Amino acid sequence: MSSHVPDSLRVDSNALPWRATPYPGVEFKKLEFEGPAGRSTVLLRFAPGARYGAHAHPRGEQYFVLSGSLEDGGQRWTAGAYVHHPPGSRHAPSSAEGCLLFVTLPAPIEMLDA
C-alpha cells in the first residue's frame, strides 16, 4: 500500500539556497508560499549579532527555534522553544549567538522601520 499523497508538498531544504534579507546577517529559505493569501513557511537564519527590523504581523506568526537562541519580546528563546505571536503583534528580534528558526506566517509582515 502506497503512502504517497499526490497533493503533498515536499521540499528538500538542503537543496535551496539561502537568500538575503535587507538586514545583514539574516537569511531565509522559502519552503512554501501561497501567493493570493501570502501565507508562507520559511527557515530563517540569524548570524551572531544579527537583528531583524521592527515589523508587525497582521495575522500573527509562529516560530520554533531549531538551534541557537533568539532575543524577542524581552526574552531569550533557545532551541526547542515554540513562540506564537497573535495577530497585530510587533517586534524586532535579534540573536546574540545566532540561530535557526522554522517560521510560519499566515500573511506577509509589515515593516515598521522603513
PDB file of N, CA and C in Angstrom:
ATOM      1  N   MET A   1       0.843  -1.180   0.000  1.00  0.00           N
ATOM      2  CA  MET A   1       0.000   0.000   0.000  1.00  0.00           C
ATOM      3  C   MET A   1       0.882   1.235   0.000  1.00  0.00           C
ATOM      4  N   SER A   2       0.679   2.136  -0.927  1.00  0.00           N
ATOM      5  CA  SER A   2       1.489   3.337  -1.049  1.00  0.00           C
ATOM      6  C   SER A   2       0.981   4.424  -0.105  1.00  0.00           C
ATOM      7  N   SER A   3       1.907   5.149   0.507  1.00  0.00           N
ATOM      8  CA  SER A   3       1.522   6.250   1.390  1.00  0.00           C
ATOM      9  C   SER A   3       1.690   7.596   0.678  1.00  0.00           C
ATOM     10  N   HIS A   4       1.927   7.553  -0.614  1.00  0.00           N
ATOM     11  CA  HIS A   4       2.110   8.778  -1.398  1.00  0.00           C
ATOM     12  C   HIS A   4       0.785   9.539  -1.506  1.00  0.00           C
ATOM     13  N   VAL A   5       0.821  10.809  -1.185  1.00  0.00           N
ATOM     14  CA  VAL A   5      -0.343  11.672  -1.322  1.00  0.00           C
ATOM     15  C   VAL A   5      -0.020  12.644  -2.449  1.00  0.00           C
ATOM     16  N   PRO A   6      -0.755  12.596  -3.565  1.00  0.00           N
ATOM     17  CA  PRO A   6      -0.404  13.373  -4.755  1.00  0.00           C
ATOM     18  C   PRO A   6      -0.283  14.882  -4.538  1.00  0.00           C
ATOM     19  N   ASP A   7      -1.093  15.462  -3.656  1.00  0.00           N
ATOM     20  CA  ASP A   7      -1.074  16.913  -3.477  1.00  0.00           C
ATOM     21  C   ASP A   7      -0.101  17.376  -2.399  1.00  0.00           C
ATOM     22  N   SER A   8       0.657  16.468  -1.826  1.00  0.00           N
ATOM     23  CA  SER A   8       1.601  16.844  -0.785  1.00  0.00           C
ATOM     24  C   SER A   8       2.739  17.677  -1.365  1.00  0.00           C
ATOM     25  N   LEU A   9       3.177  18.651  -0.600  1.00  0.00           N
ATOM     26  CA  LEU A   9       4.340  19.453  -0.973  1.00  0.00           C
ATOM     27  C   LEU A   9       5.545  18.854  -0.272  1.00  0.00           C
ATOM     28  N   ARG A  10       6.592  18.590  -1.043  1.00  0.00           N
ATOM     29  CA  ARG A  10       7.817  18.053  -0.487  1.00  0.00           C
ATOM     30  C   ARG A  10       8.968  18.955  -0.919  1.00  0.00           C
ATOM     31  N   VAL A  11       9.742  19.407   0.045  1.00  0.00           N
ATOM     32  CA  VAL A  11      10.836  20.331  -0.241  1.00  0.00           C
ATOM     33  C   VAL A  11      12.107  19.813   0.427  1.00  0.00           C
ATOM     34  N   ASP A  12      13.172  19.721  -0.332  1.00  0.00           N
ATOM     35  CA  ASP A  12      14.475  19.386   0.228  1.00  0.00           C
ATOM     36  C   ASP A  12      15.163  20.705   0.566  1.00  0.00           C
ATOM     37  N   SER A  13      15.074  21.130   1.813  1.00  0.00           N
ATOM     38  CA  SER A  13      15.621  22.434   2.198  1.00  0.00           C
ATOM     39  C   SER A  13      17.132  22.503   1.996  1.00  0.00           C
ATOM     40  N   ASN A  14      17.807  21.360   2.020  1.00  0.00           N
ATOM     41  CA  ASN A  14      19.253  21.363   1.787  1.00  0.00           C
ATOM     42  C   ASN A  14      19.596  21.782   0.363  1.00  0.00           C
ATOM     43  N   ALA A  15      18.670  21.601  -0.567  1.00  0.00           N
ATOM     44  CA  ALA A  15      18.915  21.956  -1.966  1.00  0.00           C
ATOM     45  C   ALA A  15      18.590  23.423  -2.263  1.00  0.00           C
ATOM     46  N   LEU A  16      17.962  24.107  -1.324  1.00  0.00           N
ATOM     47  CA  LEU A  16      17.593  25.510  -1.541  1.00  0.00           C
ATOM     48  C   LEU A  16      18.727  26.443  -1.132  1.00  0.00           C
ATOM     49  N   PRO A  17      18.918  27.528  -1.868  1.00  0.00           N
ATOM     50  CA  PRO A  17      19.940  28.495  -1.473  1.00  0.00           C
ATOM     51  C   PRO A  17      19.433  29.409  -0.348  1.00  0.00           C
ATOM     52  N   TRP A  18      20.345  29.881   0.473  1.00  0.00           N
ATOM     53  CA  TRP A  18      19.994  30.916   1.445  1.00  0.00           C
ATOM     54  C   TRP A  18      19.829  32.212   0.675  1.00  0.00           C
ATOM     55  N   ARG A  19      18.791  32.976   1.004  1.00  0.00           N
ATOM     56  CA  ARG A  19      18.510  34.242   0.326  1.00  0.00           C
ATOM     57  C   ARG A  19      18.665  35.386   1.327  1.00  0.00           C
ATOM     58  N   ALA A  20      19.210  36.497   0.859  1.00  0.00           N
ATOM     59  CA  ALA A  20      19.447  37.651   1.725  1.00  0.00           C
ATOM     60  C   ALA A  20      18.146  38.365   2.073  1.00  0.00           C
ATOM     61  N   THR A  21      18.110  38.972   3.244  1.00  0.00           N
ATOM     62  CA  THR A  21      17.054  39.899   3.626  1.00  0.00           C
ATOM     63  C   THR A  21      17.679  41.293   3.604  1.00  0.00           C
ATOM     64  N   PRO A  22      16.902  42.341   3.820  1.00  0.00           N
ATOM     65  CA  PRO A  22      17.502  43.681   3.894  1.00  0.00           C
ATOM     66  C   PRO A  22      18.381  43.887   5.136  1.00  0.00           C
ATOM     67  N   TYR A  23      18.427  42.892   6.014  1.00  0.00           N
ATOM     68  CA  TYR A  23      19.158  43.030   7.273  1.00  0.00           C
ATOM     69  C   TYR A  23      20.394  42.141   7.273  1.00  0.00           C
ATOM     70  N   PRO A  24      21.581  42.742   7.394  1.00  0.00           N
ATOM     71  CA  PRO A  24      22.832  41.978   7.353  1.00  0.00           C
ATOM     72  C   PRO A  24      22.835  40.834   8.371  1.00  0.00           C
ATOM     73  N   GLY A  25      23.226  39.660   7.902  1.00  0.00           N
ATOM     74  CA  GLY A  25      23.331  38.508   8.785  1.00  0.00           C
ATOM     75  C   GLY A  25      22.032  37.738   8.971  1.00  0.00           C
ATOM     76  N   VAL A  26      20.954  38.164   8.317  1.00  0.00           N
ATOM     77  CA  VAL A  26      19.679  37.442   8.406  1.00  0.00           C
ATOM     78  C   VAL A  26      19.336  36.926   7.009  1.00  0.00           C
ATOM     79  N   GLU A  27      19.193  35.605   6.886  1.00  0.00           N
ATOM     80  CA  GLU A  27      18.915  34.956   5.609  1.00  0.00           C
ATOM     81  C   GLU A  27      17.733  34.014   5.759  1.00  0.00           C
ATOM     82  N   PHE A  28      17.120  33.658   4.624  1.00  0.00           N
ATOM     83  CA  PHE A  28      15.975  32.758   4.679  1.00  0.00           C
ATOM     84  C   PHE A  28      15.973  31.785   3.512  1.00  0.00           C
ATOM     85  N   LYS A  29      15.261  30.688   3.713  1.00  0.00           N
ATOM     86  CA  LYS A  29      14.953  29.720   2.663  1.00  0.00           C
ATOM     87  C   LYS A  29      13.436  29.608   2.634  1.00  0.00           C
ATOM     88  N   LYS A  30      12.837  29.874   1.493  1.00  0.00           N
ATOM     89  CA  LYS A  30      11.383  29.799   1.361  1.00  0.00           C
ATOM     90  C   LYS A  30      10.984  28.353   1.104  1.00  0.00           C
ATOM     91  N   LEU A  31      10.279  27.760   2.044  1.00  0.00           N
ATOM     92  CA  LEU A  31       9.824  26.385   1.912  1.00  0.00           C
ATOM     93  C   LEU A  31       8.467  26.317   1.211  1.00  0.00           C
ATOM     94  N   GLU A  32       7.632  27.326   1.470  1.00  0.00           N
ATOM     95  CA  GLU A  32       6.299  27.361   0.874  1.00  0.00           C
ATOM     96  C   GLU A  32       5.825  28.808   0.822  1.00  0.00           C
ATOM     97  N   PHE A  33       5.098  29.144  -0.238  1.00  0.00           N
ATOM     98  CA  PHE A  33       4.489  30.467  -0.347  1.00  0.00           C
ATOM     99  C   PHE A  33       3.202  30.336  -1.141  1.00  0.00           C
ATOM    100  N   GLU A  34       2.128  30.812  -0.568  1.00  0.00           N
ATOM    101  CA  GLU A  34       0.832  30.797  -1.238  1.00  0.00           C
ATOM    102  C   GLU A  34       0.521  32.222  -1.656  1.00  0.00           C
ATOM    103  N   GLY A  35       0.657  32.504  -2.940  1.00  0.00           N
ATOM    104  CA  GLY A  35       0.519  33.844  -3.477  1.00  0.00           C
ATOM    105  C   GLY A  35      -0.690  34.643  -3.055  1.00  0.00           C
ATOM    106  N   PRO A  36      -1.917  34.189  -3.328  1.00  0.00           N
ATOM    107  CA  PRO A  36      -3.089  35.012  -3.035  1.00  0.00           C
ATOM    108  C   PRO A  36      -3.212  35.421  -1.565  1.00  0.00           C
ATOM    109  N   ALA A  37      -2.962  34.498  -0.650  1.00  0.00           N
ATOM    110  CA  ALA A  37      -3.098  34.815   0.774  1.00  0.00           C
ATOM    111  C   ALA A  37      -1.801  35.359   1.369  1.00  0.00           C
ATOM    112  N   GLY A  38      -0.681  35.064   0.719  1.00  0.00           N
ATOM    113  CA  GLY A  38       0.610  35.490   1.251  1.00  0.00           C
ATOM    114  C   GLY A  38       1.107  34.617   2.384  1.00  0.00           C
ATOM    115  N   ARG A  39       0.478  33.459   2.577  1.00  0.00           N
ATOM    116  CA  ARG A  39       0.914  32.532   3.619  1.00  0.00           C
ATOM    117  C   ARG A  39       2.280  31.972   3.239  1.00  0.00           C
ATOM    118  N   SER A  40       3.168  31.867   4.218  1.00  0.00           N
ATOM    119  CA  SER A  40       4.493  31.339   3.898  1.00  0.00           C
ATOM    120  C   SER A  40       5.065  30.533   5.061  1.00  0.00           C
ATOM    121  N   THR A  41       5.994  29.662   4.702  1.00  0.00           N
ATOM    122  CA  THR A  41       6.763  28.878   5.657  1.00  0.00           C
ATOM    123  C   THR A  41       8.223  29.019   5.243  1.00  0.00           C
ATOM    124  N   VAL A  42       9.067  29.414   6.186  1.00  0.00           N
ATOM    125  CA  VAL A  42      10.472  29.658   5.863  1.00  0.00           C
ATOM    126  C   VAL A  42      11.387  29.130   6.965  1.00  0.00           C
ATOM    127  N   LEU A  43      12.631  28.892   6.574  1.00  0.00           N
ATOM    128  CA  LEU A  43      13.710  28.737   7.538  1.00  0.00           C
ATOM    129  C   LEU A  43      14.370  30.107   7.602  1.00  0.00           C
ATOM    130  N   LEU A  44      14.610  30.606   8.797  1.00  0.00           N
ATOM    131  CA  LEU A  44      15.204  31.929   8.982  1.00  0.00           C
ATOM    132  C   LEU A  44      16.454  31.757   9.820  1.00  0.00           C
ATOM    133  N   ARG A  45      17.578  32.257   9.305  1.00  0.00           N
ATOM    134  CA  ARG A  45      18.869  32.086   9.977  1.00  0.00           C
ATOM    135  C   ARG A  45      19.452  33.443  10.342  1.00  0.00           C
ATOM    136  N   PHE A  46      19.815  33.589  11.615  1.00  0.00           N
ATOM    137  CA  PHE A  46      20.469  34.793  12.121  1.00  0.00           C
ATOM    138  C   PHE A  46      21.930  34.468  12.398  1.00  0.00           C
ATOM    139  N   ALA A  47      22.843  35.239  11.851  1.00  0.00           N
ATOM    140  CA  ALA A  47      24.255  35.128  12.217  1.00  0.00           C
ATOM    141  C   ALA A  47      24.423  35.744  13.614  1.00  0.00           C
ATOM    142  N   PRO A  48      25.482  35.396  14.322  1.00  0.00           N
ATOM    143  CA  PRO A  48      25.705  36.020  15.631  1.00  0.00           C
ATOM    144  C   PRO A  48      25.703  37.552  15.518  1.00  0.00           C
ATOM    145  N   GLY A  49      24.927  38.185  16.395  1.00  0.00           N
ATOM    146  CA  GLY A  49      24.831  39.644  16.430  1.00  0.00           C
ATOM    147  C   GLY A  49      23.833  40.248  15.459  1.00  0.00           C
ATOM    148  N   ALA A  50      23.161  39.441  14.652  1.00  0.00           N
ATOM    149  CA  ALA A  50      22.223  39.970  13.655  1.00  0.00           C
ATOM    150  C   ALA A  50      20.907  40.394  14.293  1.00  0.00           C
ATOM    151  N   ARG A  51      20.265  41.343  13.623  1.00  0.00           N
ATOM    152  CA  ARG A  51      18.994  41.902  14.086  1.00  0.00           C
ATOM    153  C   ARG A  51      18.075  42.074  12.887  1.00  0.00           C
ATOM    154  N   TYR A  52      16.798  41.762  13.073  1.00  0.00           N
ATOM    155  CA  TYR A  52      15.784  41.982  12.035  1.00  0.00           C
ATOM    156  C   TYR A  52      15.036  43.250  12.387  1.00  0.00           C
ATOM    157  N   GLY A  53      14.662  44.043  11.388  1.00  0.00           N
ATOM    158  CA  GLY A  53      13.977  45.312  11.622  1.00  0.00           C
ATOM    159  C   GLY A  53      12.611  45.152  12.267  1.00  0.00           C
ATOM    160  N   ALA A  54      12.164  46.227  12.903  1.00  0.00           N
ATOM    161  CA  ALA A  54      10.848  46.233  13.550  1.00  0.00           C
ATOM    162  C   ALA A  54       9.760  45.991  12.515  1.00  0.00           C
ATOM    163  N   HIS A  55       8.860  45.072  12.837  1.00  0.00           N
ATOM    164  CA  HIS A  55       7.785  44.738  11.910  1.00  0.00           C
ATOM    165  C   HIS A  55       6.553  44.250  12.668  1.00  0.00           C
ATOM    166  N   ALA A  56       5.424  44.261  11.963  1.00  0.00           N
ATOM    167  CA  ALA A  56       4.151  43.815  12.532  1.00  0.00           C
ATOM    168  C   ALA A  56       3.679  42.562  11.811  1.00  0.00           C
ATOM    169  N   HIS A  57       2.859  41.792  12.514  1.00  0.00           N
ATOM    170  CA  HIS A  57       2.261  40.577  11.961  1.00  0.00           C
ATOM    171  C   HIS A  57       0.743  40.751  11.940  1.00  0.00           C
ATOM    172  N   PRO A  58       0.197  41.202  10.796  1.00  0.00           N
ATOM    173  CA  PRO A  58      -1.247  41.460  10.737  1.00  0.00           C
ATOM    174  C   PRO A  58      -2.102  40.238  11.085  1.00  0.00           C
ATOM    175  N   ARG A  59      -1.607  39.039  10.752  1.00  0.00           N
ATOM    176  CA  ARG A  59      -2.373  37.820  11.043  1.00  0.00           C
ATOM    177  C   ARG A  59      -1.601  36.846  11.936  1.00  0.00           C
ATOM    178  N   GLY A  60      -0.561  37.349  12.605  1.00  0.00           N
ATOM    179  CA  GLY A  60       0.183  36.527  13.545  1.00  0.00           C
ATOM    180  C   GLY A  60       1.414  35.866  12.947  1.00  0.00           C
ATOM    181  N   GLU A  61       2.104  35.123  13.795  1.00  0.00           N
ATOM    182  CA  GLU A  61       3.330  34.422  13.411  1.00  0.00           C
ATOM    183  C   GLU A  61       3.561  33.286  14.399  1.00  0.00           C
ATOM    184  N   GLN A  62       4.154  32.219  13.918  1.00  0.00           N
ATOM    185  CA  GLN A  62       4.591  31.126  14.778  1.00  0.00           C
ATOM    186  C   GLN A  62       6.029  30.788  14.404  1.00  0.00           C
ATOM    187  N   TYR A  63       6.858  30.550  15.420  1.00  0.00           N
ATOM    188  CA  TYR A  63       8.192  30.043  15.099  1.00  0.00           C
ATOM    189  C   TYR A  63       8.656  29.044  16.138  1.00  0.00           C
ATOM    190  N   PHE A  64       9.575  28.197  15.688  1.00  0.00           N
ATOM    191  CA  PHE A  64      10.192  27.173  16.519  1.00  0.00           C
ATOM    192  C   PHE A  64      11.695  27.347  16.382  1.00  0.00           C
ATOM    193  N   VAL A  65      12.393  27.469  17.503  1.00  0.00           N
ATOM    194  CA  VAL A  65      13.843  27.646  17.487  1.00  0.00           C
ATOM    195  C   VAL A  65      14.490  26.272  17.313  1.00  0.00           C
ATOM    196  N   LEU A  66      15.150  26.083  16.168  1.00  0.00           N
ATOM    197  CA  LEU A  66      15.807  24.802  15.870  1.00  0.00           C
ATOM    198  C   LEU A  66      17.190  24.716  16.501  1.00  0.00           C
ATOM    199  N   SER A  67      17.915  25.838  16.508  1.00  0.00           N
ATOM    200  CA  SER A  67      19.247  25.868  17.121  1.00  0.00           C
ATOM    201  C   SER A  67      19.584  27.296  17.503  1.00  0.00           C
ATOM    202  N   GLY A  68      20.533  27.441  18.425  1.00  0.00           N
ATOM    203  CA  GLY A  68      20.951  28.762  18.870  1.00  0.00           C
ATOM    204  C   GLY A  68      19.915  29.395  19.781  1.00  0.00           C
ATOM    205  N   SER A  69      19.881  30.738  19.776  1.00  0.00           N
ATOM    206  CA  SER A  69      18.908  31.446  20.602  1.00  0.00           C
ATOM    207  C   SER A  69      18.506  32.755  19.939  1.00  0.00           C
ATOM    208  N   LEU A  70      17.289  33.180  20.244  1.00  0.00           N
ATOM    209  CA  LEU A  70      16.714  34.406  19.682  1.00  0.00           C
ATOM    210  C   LEU A  70      16.227  35.282  20.826  1.00  0.00           C
ATOM    211  N   GLU A  71      16.568  36.567  20.763  1.00  0.00           N
ATOM    212  CA  GLU A  71      16.054  37.535  21.726  1.00  0.00           C
ATOM    213  C   GLU A  71      14.821  38.181  21.094  1.00  0.00           C
ATOM    214  N   ASP A  72      13.691  38.069  21.778  1.00  0.00           N
ATOM    215  CA  ASP A  72      12.420  38.543  21.229  1.00  0.00           C
ATOM    216  C   ASP A  72      11.477  38.874  22.382  1.00  0.00           C
ATOM    217  N   GLY A  73      10.925  40.070  22.341  1.00  0.00           N
ATOM    218  CA  GLY A  73       9.953  40.461  23.364  1.00  0.00           C
ATOM    219  C   GLY A  73      10.515  40.483  24.771  1.00  0.00           C
ATOM    220  N   GLY A  74      11.781  40.829  24.903  1.00  0.00           N
ATOM    221  CA  GLY A  74      12.391  40.896  26.224  1.00  0.00           C
ATOM    222  C   GLY A  74      12.786  39.548  26.805  1.00  0.00           C
ATOM    223  N   GLN A  75      12.690  38.493  25.998  1.00  0.00           N
ATOM    224  CA  GLN A  75      13.074  37.166  26.465  1.00  0.00           C
ATOM    225  C   GLN A  75      14.064  36.532  25.504  1.00  0.00           C
ATOM    226  N   ARG A  76      14.774  35.546  26.001  1.00  0.00           N
ATOM    227  CA  ARG A  76      15.720  34.789  25.181  1.00  0.00           C
ATOM    228  C   ARG A  76      15.144  33.400  24.986  1.00  0.00           C
ATOM    229  N   TRP A  77      14.917  33.024  23.727  1.00  0.00           N
ATOM    230  CA  TRP A  77      14.339  31.731  23.388  1.00  0.00           C
ATOM    231  C   TRP A  77      15.433  30.830  22.823  1.00  0.00           C
ATOM    232  N   THR A  78      15.570  29.646  23.386  1.00  0.00           N
ATOM    233  CA  THR A  78      16.629  28.723  22.966  1.00  0.00           C
ATOM    234  C   THR A  78      16.037  27.545  22.191  1.00  0.00           C
ATOM    235  N   ALA A  79      16.918  26.696  21.660  1.00  0.00           N
ATOM    236  CA  ALA A  79      16.499  25.542  20.863  1.00  0.00           C
ATOM    237  C   ALA A  79      15.397  24.759  21.579  1.00  0.00           C
ATOM    238  N   GLY A  80      14.343  24.465  20.824  1.00  0.00           N
ATOM    239  CA  GLY A  80      13.206  23.739  21.367  1.00  0.00           C
ATOM    240  C   GLY A  80      12.044  24.637  21.755  1.00  0.00           C
ATOM    241  N   ALA A  81      12.254  25.951  21.757  1.00  0.00           N
ATOM    242  CA  ALA A  81      11.179  26.881  22.137  1.00  0.00           C
ATOM    243  C   ALA A  81      10.234  27.117  20.960  1.00  0.00           C
ATOM    244  N   TYR A  82       8.946  27.171  21.271  1.00  0.00           N
ATOM    245  CA  TYR A  82       7.893  27.486  20.307  1.00  0.00           C
ATOM    246  C   TYR A  82       7.263  28.807  20.741  1.00  0.00           C
ATOM    247  N   VAL A  83       7.124  29.740  19.814  1.00  0.00           N
ATOM    248  CA  VAL A  83       6.526  31.051  20.112  1.00  0.00           C
ATOM    249  C   VAL A  83       5.411  31.320  19.113  1.00  0.00           C
ATOM    250  N   HIS A  84       4.271  31.754  19.631  1.00  0.00           N
ATOM    251  CA  HIS A  84       3.148  32.162  18.788  1.00  0.00           C
ATOM    252  C   HIS A  84       2.843  33.618  19.090  1.00  0.00           C
ATOM    253  N   HIS A  85       2.987  34.489  18.079  1.00  0.00           N
ATOM    254  CA  HIS A  85       2.628  35.894  18.220  1.00  0.00           C
ATOM    255  C   HIS A  85       1.235  36.078  17.620  1.00  0.00           C
ATOM    256  N   PRO A  86       0.318  36.716  18.348  1.00  0.00           N
ATOM    257  CA  PRO A  86      -1.046  36.876  17.848  1.00  0.00           C
ATOM    258  C   PRO A  86      -1.127  37.934  16.746  1.00  0.00           C
ATOM    259  N   PRO A  87      -2.248  37.953  16.024  1.00  0.00           N
ATOM    260  CA  PRO A  87      -2.445  38.988  15.002  1.00  0.00           C
ATOM    261  C   PRO A  87      -2.251  40.387  15.601  1.00  0.00           C
ATOM    262  N   GLY A  88      -1.566  41.242  14.831  1.00  0.00           N
ATOM    263  CA  GLY A  88      -1.314  42.609  15.261  1.00  0.00           C
ATOM    264  C   GLY A  88      -0.061  42.782  16.097  1.00  0.00           C
ATOM    265  N   SER A  89       0.634  41.699  16.423  1.00  0.00           N
ATOM    266  CA  SER A  89       1.838  41.806  17.246  1.00  0.00           C
ATOM    267  C   SER A  89       2.955  42.496  16.475  1.00  0.00           C
ATOM    268  N   ARG A  90       3.882  43.094  17.228  1.00  0.00           N
ATOM    269  CA  ARG A  90       5.031  43.817  16.662  1.00  0.00           C
ATOM    270  C   ARG A  90       6.276  43.427  17.435  1.00  0.00           C
ATOM    271  N   HIS A  91       7.402  43.361  16.720  1.00  0.00           N
ATOM    272  CA  HIS A  91       8.664  43.068  17.401  1.00  0.00           C
ATOM    273  C   HIS A  91       9.839  43.349  16.468  1.00  0.00           C
ATOM    274  N   ALA A  92      11.042  43.296  17.045  1.00  0.00           N
ATOM    275  CA  ALA A  92      12.296  43.460  16.305  1.00  0.00           C
ATOM    276  C   ALA A  92      13.286  42.453  16.878  1.00  0.00           C
ATOM    277  N   PRO A  93      13.207  41.185  16.456  1.00  0.00           N
ATOM    278  CA  PRO A  93      14.043  40.139  17.041  1.00  0.00           C
ATOM    279  C   PRO A  93      15.517  40.283  16.674  1.00  0.00           C
ATOM    280  N   SER A  94      16.351  39.727  17.545  1.00  0.00           N
ATOM    281  CA  SER A  94      17.795  39.718  17.304  1.00  0.00           C
ATOM    282  C   SER A  94      18.371  38.438  17.898  1.00  0.00           C
ATOM    283  N   SER A  95      19.634  38.173  17.555  1.00  0.00           N
ATOM    284  CA  SER A  95      20.280  36.980  18.086  1.00  0.00           C
ATOM    285  C   SER A  95      21.743  37.269  18.392  1.00  0.00           C
ATOM    286  N   ALA A  96      22.093  37.226  19.660  1.00  0.00           N
ATOM    287  CA  ALA A  96      23.484  37.460  20.061  1.00  0.00           C
ATOM    288  C   ALA A  96      24.393  36.323  19.604  1.00  0.00           C
ATOM    289  N   GLU A  97      23.924  35.077  19.704  1.00  0.00           N
ATOM    290  CA  GLU A  97      24.769  33.925  19.372  1.00  0.00           C
ATOM    291  C   GLU A  97      24.490  33.322  18.002  1.00  0.00           C
ATOM    292  N   GLY A  98      23.418  33.779  17.340  1.00  0.00           N
ATOM    293  CA  GLY A  98      22.992  33.188  16.080  1.00  0.00           C
ATOM    294  C   GLY A  98      21.940  32.125  16.330  1.00  0.00           C
ATOM    295  N   CYS A  99      21.092  31.878  15.335  1.00  0.00           N
ATOM    296  CA  CYS A  99      20.053  30.871  15.498  1.00  0.00           C
ATOM    297  C   CYS A  99      19.469  30.458  14.154  1.00  0.00           C
ATOM    298  N   LEU A 100      18.712  29.374  14.192  1.00  0.00           N
ATOM    299  CA  LEU A 100      17.966  28.887  13.037  1.00  0.00           C
ATOM    300  C   LEU A 100      16.535  28.679  13.503  1.00  0.00           C
ATOM    301  N   LEU A 101      15.580  29.269  12.761  1.00  0.00           N
ATOM    302  CA  LEU A 101      14.164  29.204  13.109  1.00  0.00           C
ATOM    303  C   LEU A 101      13.354  28.578  11.987  1.00  0.00           C
ATOM    304  N   PHE A 102      12.287  27.875  12.356  1.00  0.00           N
ATOM    305  CA  PHE A 102      11.258  27.419  11.431  1.00  0.00           C
ATOM    306  C   PHE A 102      10.077  28.349  11.676  1.00  0.00           C
ATOM    307  N   VAL A 103       9.671  29.119  10.643  1.00  0.00           N
ATOM    308  CA  VAL A 103       8.675  30.178  10.809  1.00  0.00           C
ATOM    309  C   VAL A 103       7.493  29.945   9.881  1.00  0.00           C
ATOM    310  N   THR A 104       6.280  30.130  10.419  1.00  0.00           N
ATOM    311  CA  THR A 104       5.083  30.108   9.582  1.00  0.00           C
ATOM    312  C   THR A 104       4.350  31.431   9.759  1.00  0.00           C
ATOM    313  N   LEU A 105       3.915  31.973   8.631  1.00  0.00           N
ATOM    314  CA  LEU A 105       3.205  33.254   8.611  1.00  0.00           C
ATOM    315  C   LEU A 105       1.923  33.098   7.798  1.00  0.00           C
ATOM    316  N   PRO A 106       0.763  33.402   8.379  1.00  0.00           N
ATOM    317  CA  PRO A 106      -0.474  33.312   7.608  1.00  0.00           C
ATOM    318  C   PRO A 106      -0.643  34.451   6.606  1.00  0.00           C
ATOM    319  N   ALA A 107       0.152  35.517   6.751  1.00  0.00           N
ATOM    320  CA  ALA A 107       0.119  36.665   5.843  1.00  0.00           C
ATOM    321  C   ALA A 107       1.473  37.373   5.907  1.00  0.00           C
ATOM    322  N   PRO A 108       1.798  38.166   4.885  1.00  0.00           N
ATOM    323  CA  PRO A 108       3.085  38.883   4.905  1.00  0.00           C
ATOM    324  C   PRO A 108       3.219  39.826   6.084  1.00  0.00           C
ATOM    325  N   ILE A 109       4.474  40.077   6.473  1.00  0.00           N
ATOM    326  CA  ILE A 109       4.748  41.031   7.546  1.00  0.00           C
ATOM    327  C   ILE A 109       4.634  42.452   7.000  1.00  0.00           C
ATOM    328  N   GLU A 110       4.523  43.408   7.919  1.00  0.00           N
ATOM    329  CA  GLU A 110       4.517  44.834   7.565  1.00  0.00           C
ATOM    330  C   GLU A 110       5.700  45.481   8.261  1.00  0.00           C
ATOM    331  N   MET A 111       6.628  46.029   7.489  1.00  0.00           N
ATOM    332  CA  MET A 111       7.814  46.656   8.073  1.00  0.00           C
ATOM    333  C   MET A 111       7.429  47.976   8.751  1.00  0.00           C
ATOM    334  N   LEU A 112       8.032  48.239   9.909  1.00  0.00           N
ATOM    335  CA  LEU A 112       7.730  49.443  10.681  1.00  0.00           C
ATOM    336  C   LEU A 112       8.863  50.456  10.667  1.00  0.00           C
ATOM    337  N   ASP A 113      10.059  50.028  10.298  1.00  0.00           N
ATOM    338  CA  ASP A 113      11.225  50.922  10.360  1.00  0.00           C
ATOM    339  C   ASP A 113      11.712  51.314   8.973  1.00  0.00           C
ATOM    340  N   ALA A 114      10.792  51.554   8.089  1.00  0.00           N
ATOM    341  CA  ALA A 114      11.162  51.876   6.699  1.00  0.00           C
ATOM    342  C   ALA A 114      11.825  53.226   6.580  1.00  0.00           C
TER     343      ALA A 114
END
